[in-house]
N, C-alpha and C. Protein backbone atom coordinates (compact mmCIF):
# COMPACT_ATOMS: atom_id res chain seq x y z
N UNK A 1 5.69 4.59 10.56
CA UNK A 1 5.87 4.12 11.92
C UNK A 1 5.09 2.83 12.17
N UNK A 2 3.88 2.76 11.58
CA UNK A 2 3.04 1.59 11.79
C UNK A 2 3.70 0.32 11.23
N UNK A 3 4.34 0.43 10.04
CA UNK A 3 4.98 -0.75 9.46
C UNK A 3 6.16 -1.19 10.33
N UNK A 4 6.85 -0.23 10.95
CA UNK A 4 7.95 -0.58 11.86
C UNK A 4 7.39 -1.32 13.07
N UNK A 5 6.29 -0.84 13.62
CA UNK A 5 5.67 -1.51 14.77
C UNK A 5 5.21 -2.91 14.40
N UNK A 6 4.64 -3.06 13.19
CA UNK A 6 4.22 -4.38 12.74
C UNK A 6 5.41 -5.32 12.57
N UNK A 7 6.52 -4.80 12.09
CA UNK A 7 7.73 -5.61 11.94
C UNK A 7 8.21 -6.10 13.30
N UNK A 8 8.21 -5.22 14.28
CA UNK A 8 8.61 -5.61 15.64
C UNK A 8 7.67 -6.69 16.17
N UNK A 9 6.38 -6.53 15.95
CA UNK A 9 5.41 -7.54 16.39
C UNK A 9 5.68 -8.88 15.71
N UNK A 10 5.99 -8.83 14.41
CA UNK A 10 6.28 -10.07 13.67
C UNK A 10 7.50 -10.77 14.26
N UNK A 11 8.53 -10.00 14.57
CA UNK A 11 9.73 -10.58 15.15
C UNK A 11 9.43 -11.23 16.50
N UNK A 12 8.60 -10.58 17.31
CA UNK A 12 8.25 -11.14 18.61
C UNK A 12 7.47 -12.44 18.46
N UNK A 13 6.49 -12.45 17.55
CA UNK A 13 5.71 -13.67 17.33
C UNK A 13 6.60 -14.77 16.79
N UNK A 14 7.49 -14.41 15.87
CA UNK A 14 8.42 -15.39 15.31
C UNK A 14 9.23 -16.04 16.42
N UNK A 15 9.78 -15.22 17.31
CA UNK A 15 10.58 -15.76 18.42
C UNK A 15 9.75 -16.67 19.31
N UNK A 16 8.50 -16.27 19.59
CA UNK A 16 7.62 -17.10 20.41
C UNK A 16 7.34 -18.43 19.73
N UNK A 17 7.07 -18.40 18.44
CA UNK A 17 6.70 -19.59 17.70
C UNK A 17 7.88 -20.53 17.47
N UNK A 18 9.10 -20.01 17.55
CA UNK A 18 10.29 -20.82 17.25
C UNK A 18 11.18 -21.00 18.48
N UNK A 19 10.58 -20.94 19.66
CA UNK A 19 11.33 -21.13 20.91
C UNK A 19 12.51 -20.19 21.04
N UNK A 20 12.25 -18.90 20.82
CA UNK A 20 13.24 -17.83 20.97
C UNK A 20 14.43 -17.94 20.03
N UNK A 21 14.22 -18.52 18.86
CA UNK A 21 15.29 -18.57 17.87
C UNK A 21 15.55 -17.15 17.36
N UNK A 22 16.78 -16.78 17.28
CA UNK A 22 17.17 -15.44 16.82
C UNK A 22 17.07 -15.40 15.30
N UNK A 23 16.49 -14.33 14.78
CA UNK A 23 16.38 -14.16 13.33
C UNK A 23 16.67 -12.70 13.00
N UNK A 24 17.30 -12.48 11.88
CA UNK A 24 17.60 -11.11 11.47
C UNK A 24 16.41 -10.55 10.69
N UNK A 25 16.39 -9.24 10.57
CA UNK A 25 15.33 -8.58 9.81
C UNK A 25 15.37 -9.04 8.35
N UNK A 26 16.56 -9.21 7.80
CA UNK A 26 16.68 -9.68 6.42
C UNK A 26 16.08 -11.07 6.25
N UNK A 27 16.28 -11.94 7.24
CA UNK A 27 15.71 -13.29 7.17
C UNK A 27 14.19 -13.24 7.23
N UNK A 28 13.65 -12.34 8.05
CA UNK A 28 12.19 -12.16 8.11
C UNK A 28 11.67 -11.69 6.75
N UNK A 29 12.39 -10.78 6.12
CA UNK A 29 11.97 -10.26 4.81
C UNK A 29 11.96 -11.40 3.79
N UNK A 30 13.00 -12.21 3.77
CA UNK A 30 13.06 -13.34 2.84
C UNK A 30 11.89 -14.28 3.11
N UNK A 31 11.66 -14.61 4.37
CA UNK A 31 10.58 -15.52 4.74
C UNK A 31 9.22 -14.95 4.30
N UNK A 32 8.98 -13.67 4.57
CA UNK A 32 7.69 -13.08 4.23
C UNK A 32 7.51 -12.94 2.72
N UNK A 33 8.58 -12.73 1.96
CA UNK A 33 8.47 -12.68 0.50
C UNK A 33 8.09 -14.05 -0.05
N UNK A 34 8.67 -15.11 0.50
CA UNK A 34 8.31 -16.47 0.08
C UNK A 34 6.85 -16.73 0.44
N UNK A 35 6.45 -16.29 1.63
CA UNK A 35 5.06 -16.48 2.06
C UNK A 35 4.11 -15.69 1.17
N UNK A 36 4.45 -14.44 0.83
CA UNK A 36 3.61 -13.62 -0.03
C UNK A 36 3.44 -14.29 -1.39
N UNK A 37 4.51 -14.84 -1.92
CA UNK A 37 4.46 -15.55 -3.19
C UNK A 37 3.50 -16.74 -3.09
N UNK A 38 3.56 -17.45 -1.97
CA UNK A 38 2.69 -18.60 -1.71
C UNK A 38 1.23 -18.14 -1.64
N UNK A 39 0.98 -17.04 -0.95
CA UNK A 39 -0.39 -16.50 -0.82
C UNK A 39 -0.94 -16.06 -2.17
N UNK A 40 -0.07 -15.68 -3.09
CA UNK A 40 -0.49 -15.28 -4.43
C UNK A 40 -0.75 -16.47 -5.35
N UNK A 41 -0.71 -17.67 -4.79
CA UNK A 41 -1.06 -18.87 -5.55
C UNK A 41 0.11 -19.59 -6.21
N UNK A 42 1.33 -19.19 -5.86
CA UNK A 42 2.51 -19.85 -6.45
C UNK A 42 3.13 -20.79 -5.43
N UNK A 43 3.39 -22.00 -5.84
CA UNK A 43 3.98 -22.99 -4.93
C UNK A 43 5.43 -22.67 -4.62
N UNK A 44 6.09 -21.97 -5.55
CA UNK A 44 7.51 -21.66 -5.34
C UNK A 44 7.89 -20.40 -6.10
N UNK A 45 9.07 -19.91 -5.77
CA UNK A 45 9.69 -18.80 -6.48
C UNK A 45 11.16 -19.19 -6.67
N UNK A 46 11.75 -18.76 -7.77
CA UNK A 46 13.17 -19.08 -7.96
C UNK A 46 14.01 -18.20 -7.04
N UNK A 47 15.16 -18.71 -6.67
CA UNK A 47 16.05 -17.94 -5.80
C UNK A 47 16.46 -16.64 -6.49
N UNK A 48 16.65 -16.67 -7.79
CA UNK A 48 17.03 -15.48 -8.55
C UNK A 48 15.92 -14.42 -8.49
N UNK A 49 14.67 -14.86 -8.72
CA UNK A 49 13.55 -13.91 -8.67
C UNK A 49 13.36 -13.35 -7.27
N UNK A 50 13.57 -14.19 -6.27
CA UNK A 50 13.46 -13.75 -4.88
C UNK A 50 14.49 -12.65 -4.60
N UNK A 51 15.72 -12.87 -5.04
CA UNK A 51 16.78 -11.88 -4.83
C UNK A 51 16.45 -10.57 -5.54
N UNK A 52 15.90 -10.65 -6.76
CA UNK A 52 15.53 -9.44 -7.50
C UNK A 52 14.41 -8.69 -6.79
N UNK A 53 13.40 -9.40 -6.31
CA UNK A 53 12.27 -8.75 -5.62
C UNK A 53 12.72 -8.01 -4.38
N UNK A 54 13.65 -8.62 -3.64
CA UNK A 54 14.11 -8.01 -2.39
C UNK A 54 15.17 -6.95 -2.65
N UNK A 55 15.94 -7.15 -3.71
CA UNK A 55 16.99 -6.19 -4.05
C UNK A 55 18.32 -6.51 -3.39
N UNK A 56 18.60 -7.81 -3.20
CA UNK A 56 19.89 -8.22 -2.64
C UNK A 56 20.49 -9.31 -3.52
N UNK A 57 21.76 -9.58 -3.31
CA UNK A 57 22.48 -10.58 -4.09
C UNK A 57 21.95 -11.99 -3.81
N UNK A 58 22.05 -12.86 -4.83
CA UNK A 58 21.63 -14.26 -4.67
C UNK A 58 22.38 -14.96 -3.55
N UNK A 59 23.65 -14.66 -3.40
CA UNK A 59 24.45 -15.31 -2.36
C UNK A 59 23.96 -14.94 -0.97
N UNK A 60 23.48 -13.70 -0.82
CA UNK A 60 22.94 -13.26 0.47
C UNK A 60 21.61 -13.96 0.74
N UNK A 61 20.78 -14.07 -0.30
CA UNK A 61 19.52 -14.80 -0.16
C UNK A 61 19.81 -16.24 0.25
N UNK A 62 20.82 -16.83 -0.37
CA UNK A 62 21.19 -18.22 -0.05
C UNK A 62 21.53 -18.37 1.42
N UNK A 63 22.27 -17.43 1.96
CA UNK A 63 22.64 -17.46 3.38
C UNK A 63 21.39 -17.42 4.27
N UNK A 64 20.45 -16.54 3.90
CA UNK A 64 19.21 -16.42 4.68
C UNK A 64 18.35 -17.68 4.53
N UNK A 65 18.34 -18.27 3.35
CA UNK A 65 17.58 -19.50 3.15
C UNK A 65 18.10 -20.62 4.03
N UNK A 66 19.41 -20.68 4.19
CA UNK A 66 19.98 -21.69 5.09
C UNK A 66 19.53 -21.46 6.53
N UNK A 67 19.42 -20.21 6.91
CA UNK A 67 19.05 -19.89 8.29
C UNK A 67 17.61 -20.26 8.61
N UNK A 68 16.71 -20.12 7.64
CA UNK A 68 15.29 -20.37 7.91
C UNK A 68 14.75 -21.59 7.19
N UNK A 69 15.61 -22.27 6.46
CA UNK A 69 15.15 -23.38 5.63
C UNK A 69 15.19 -24.74 6.27
N UNK A 70 15.26 -25.74 5.40
CA UNK A 70 15.24 -27.12 5.87
C UNK A 70 16.65 -27.70 6.03
N UNK A 71 17.64 -26.88 5.80
CA UNK A 71 19.04 -27.28 5.98
C UNK A 71 19.74 -26.15 6.72
N UNK A 72 20.65 -26.49 7.59
CA UNK A 72 21.41 -25.44 8.27
C UNK A 72 22.90 -25.73 8.10
N UNK A 73 23.68 -24.69 8.03
CA UNK A 73 25.14 -24.85 7.89
C UNK A 73 25.79 -25.11 9.24
N UNK A 74 25.12 -24.73 10.29
CA UNK A 74 25.69 -24.84 11.63
C UNK A 74 25.33 -26.16 12.28
N UNK A 75 26.29 -26.76 12.94
CA UNK A 75 26.04 -27.99 13.69
C UNK A 75 25.27 -27.70 14.97
N UNK A 76 25.31 -26.45 15.43
CA UNK A 76 24.70 -26.09 16.69
C UNK A 76 23.21 -25.80 16.57
N UNK A 77 22.77 -25.38 15.39
CA UNK A 77 21.37 -25.02 15.20
C UNK A 77 20.62 -26.13 14.46
N UNK A 78 19.40 -26.39 14.92
CA UNK A 78 18.53 -27.29 14.17
C UNK A 78 17.89 -26.49 13.05
N UNK A 79 17.65 -27.12 11.91
CA UNK A 79 16.97 -26.39 10.84
C UNK A 79 15.57 -25.97 11.28
N UNK A 80 15.13 -24.81 10.85
CA UNK A 80 13.82 -24.30 11.21
C UNK A 80 12.71 -24.97 10.41
N UNK A 81 13.02 -25.39 9.20
CA UNK A 81 12.05 -26.06 8.32
C UNK A 81 10.85 -25.19 7.97
N UNK A 82 11.03 -23.88 7.88
CA UNK A 82 9.94 -22.98 7.49
C UNK A 82 9.82 -22.91 5.97
N UNK A 83 10.93 -23.12 5.28
CA UNK A 83 10.93 -23.13 3.82
C UNK A 83 11.71 -24.32 3.33
N UNK A 84 11.48 -24.66 2.08
CA UNK A 84 12.25 -25.73 1.46
C UNK A 84 12.89 -25.19 0.18
N UNK A 85 14.04 -25.72 -0.14
CA UNK A 85 14.78 -25.30 -1.32
C UNK A 85 15.12 -26.56 -2.11
N UNK A 86 14.88 -26.55 -3.42
CA UNK A 86 15.19 -27.70 -4.24
C UNK A 86 15.62 -27.26 -5.63
N UNK A 87 16.27 -28.16 -6.32
CA UNK A 87 16.70 -27.89 -7.70
C UNK A 87 15.51 -28.07 -8.63
N UNK A 88 15.38 -27.17 -9.58
CA UNK A 88 14.34 -27.29 -10.60
C UNK A 88 14.67 -28.51 -11.46
N UNK A 89 13.75 -29.48 -11.58
CA UNK A 89 14.06 -30.67 -12.36
C UNK A 89 14.28 -30.38 -13.85
N UNK A 90 13.77 -29.25 -14.34
CA UNK A 90 13.94 -28.90 -15.75
C UNK A 90 15.18 -28.08 -16.02
N UNK A 91 15.76 -27.49 -14.98
CA UNK A 91 16.96 -26.65 -15.12
C UNK A 91 17.74 -26.75 -13.82
N UNK A 92 18.77 -27.58 -13.80
CA UNK A 92 19.51 -27.85 -12.57
C UNK A 92 20.26 -26.63 -12.04
N UNK A 93 20.39 -25.58 -12.86
CA UNK A 93 21.05 -24.37 -12.37
C UNK A 93 20.09 -23.51 -11.55
N UNK A 94 18.82 -23.79 -11.65
CA UNK A 94 17.78 -22.97 -10.99
C UNK A 94 17.36 -23.63 -9.68
N UNK A 95 17.35 -22.82 -8.61
CA UNK A 95 16.90 -23.30 -7.30
C UNK A 95 15.52 -22.72 -7.01
N UNK A 96 14.62 -23.59 -6.57
CA UNK A 96 13.25 -23.19 -6.25
C UNK A 96 13.11 -23.08 -4.74
N UNK A 97 12.30 -22.12 -4.29
CA UNK A 97 12.09 -21.87 -2.87
C UNK A 97 10.59 -21.85 -2.62
N UNK A 98 10.14 -22.61 -1.63
CA UNK A 98 8.73 -22.64 -1.28
C UNK A 98 8.54 -22.83 0.21
N UNK A 99 7.32 -22.60 0.67
CA UNK A 99 7.01 -22.77 2.09
C UNK A 99 6.74 -24.22 2.41
N UNK A 100 7.11 -24.62 3.60
CA UNK A 100 6.69 -25.90 4.13
C UNK A 100 5.36 -25.66 4.86
N UNK A 101 4.70 -26.73 5.28
CA UNK A 101 3.46 -26.59 6.06
C UNK A 101 3.75 -25.82 7.34
N UNK A 102 4.90 -26.10 7.95
CA UNK A 102 5.28 -25.39 9.17
C UNK A 102 5.48 -23.90 8.90
N UNK A 103 6.08 -23.57 7.77
CA UNK A 103 6.29 -22.17 7.40
C UNK A 103 5.00 -21.44 7.15
N UNK A 104 4.04 -22.09 6.49
CA UNK A 104 2.74 -21.47 6.23
C UNK A 104 2.01 -21.20 7.54
N UNK A 105 2.08 -22.15 8.47
CA UNK A 105 1.43 -21.98 9.77
C UNK A 105 2.10 -20.84 10.56
N UNK A 106 3.41 -20.79 10.51
CA UNK A 106 4.15 -19.73 11.20
C UNK A 106 3.76 -18.35 10.66
N UNK A 107 3.68 -18.22 9.34
CA UNK A 107 3.31 -16.94 8.73
C UNK A 107 1.88 -16.55 9.13
N UNK A 108 0.96 -17.50 9.11
CA UNK A 108 -0.42 -17.21 9.51
C UNK A 108 -0.49 -16.75 10.96
N UNK A 109 0.26 -17.43 11.83
CA UNK A 109 0.29 -17.05 13.25
C UNK A 109 0.84 -15.64 13.44
N UNK A 110 1.89 -15.31 12.69
CA UNK A 110 2.49 -13.99 12.79
C UNK A 110 1.49 -12.91 12.38
N UNK A 111 0.83 -13.12 11.26
CA UNK A 111 -0.10 -12.11 10.76
C UNK A 111 -1.36 -12.00 11.61
N UNK A 112 -1.88 -13.12 12.09
CA UNK A 112 -3.08 -13.04 12.93
C UNK A 112 -2.77 -12.37 14.26
N UNK A 113 -1.55 -12.60 14.78
CA UNK A 113 -1.16 -11.95 16.03
C UNK A 113 -1.05 -10.44 15.85
N UNK A 114 -0.50 -10.01 14.73
CA UNK A 114 -0.40 -8.58 14.44
C UNK A 114 -1.79 -7.97 14.34
N UNK A 115 -2.70 -8.67 13.67
CA UNK A 115 -4.07 -8.18 13.53
C UNK A 115 -4.72 -8.03 14.91
N UNK A 116 -4.53 -9.03 15.77
CA UNK A 116 -5.09 -8.95 17.13
C UNK A 116 -4.52 -7.76 17.90
N UNK A 117 -3.21 -7.59 17.82
CA UNK A 117 -2.56 -6.48 18.53
C UNK A 117 -3.06 -5.13 18.01
N UNK A 118 -3.21 -5.02 16.68
CA UNK A 118 -3.70 -3.77 16.09
C UNK A 118 -5.14 -3.50 16.52
N UNK A 119 -5.97 -4.56 16.56
CA UNK A 119 -7.35 -4.40 17.01
C UNK A 119 -7.40 -3.95 18.47
N UNK A 120 -6.53 -4.54 19.30
CA UNK A 120 -6.45 -4.14 20.71
C UNK A 120 -6.03 -2.68 20.83
N UNK A 121 -5.05 -2.27 20.04
CA UNK A 121 -4.58 -0.88 20.08
C UNK A 121 -5.68 0.09 19.70
N UNK A 122 -6.45 -0.27 18.65
CA UNK A 122 -7.55 0.60 18.23
C UNK A 122 -8.62 0.68 19.31
N UNK A 123 -8.92 -0.46 19.94
CA UNK A 123 -9.93 -0.48 21.00
C UNK A 123 -9.49 0.39 22.19
N UNK A 124 -8.23 0.28 22.56
CA UNK A 124 -7.69 1.09 23.66
C UNK A 124 -7.70 2.57 23.30
N UNK A 125 -7.37 2.89 22.07
CA UNK A 125 -7.34 4.29 21.65
C UNK A 125 -8.74 4.89 21.65
N UNK A 126 -9.73 4.11 21.20
CA UNK A 126 -11.09 4.65 21.19
C UNK A 126 -11.69 4.76 22.58
N UNK A 127 -11.28 3.90 23.50
CA UNK A 127 -11.80 3.99 24.88
C UNK A 127 -11.16 5.16 25.64
N UNK A 128 -9.98 5.59 25.19
CA UNK A 128 -9.30 6.71 25.83
C UNK A 128 -9.69 8.06 25.23
N UNK A 129 -10.54 8.03 24.21
CA UNK A 129 -10.93 9.29 23.55
C UNK A 129 -11.82 10.11 24.49
N UNK A 130 -11.77 11.42 24.30
CA UNK A 130 -12.54 12.34 25.15
C UNK A 130 -13.99 12.36 24.76
């Protein structure tokens, strides 16, 4: 239940940070997996490895990357620029995915907000104890 509550908090923070831009849960998962990879000291992850880690098809990952990346398929939406996608210079068939500075800041804001909310919840729970 706690992870579900944290996911809801992440979605709320994401919407606040992106001027109420709508995002799907799958897009949040893709974004957070790229961020986790970045936090582990890797500048990028291949689109194929990202799809394997999440357990979805590469084409689905590609769709989500367009939604949260530096390019958008829709004329109506501005790109979010949270992640960047580029061709591997050593293997043109391989696409690399990494966070932009804006994406790293967004992820930090999301996680710090969740930590604050959890701390507030714990404080309220302990003050209500008998």
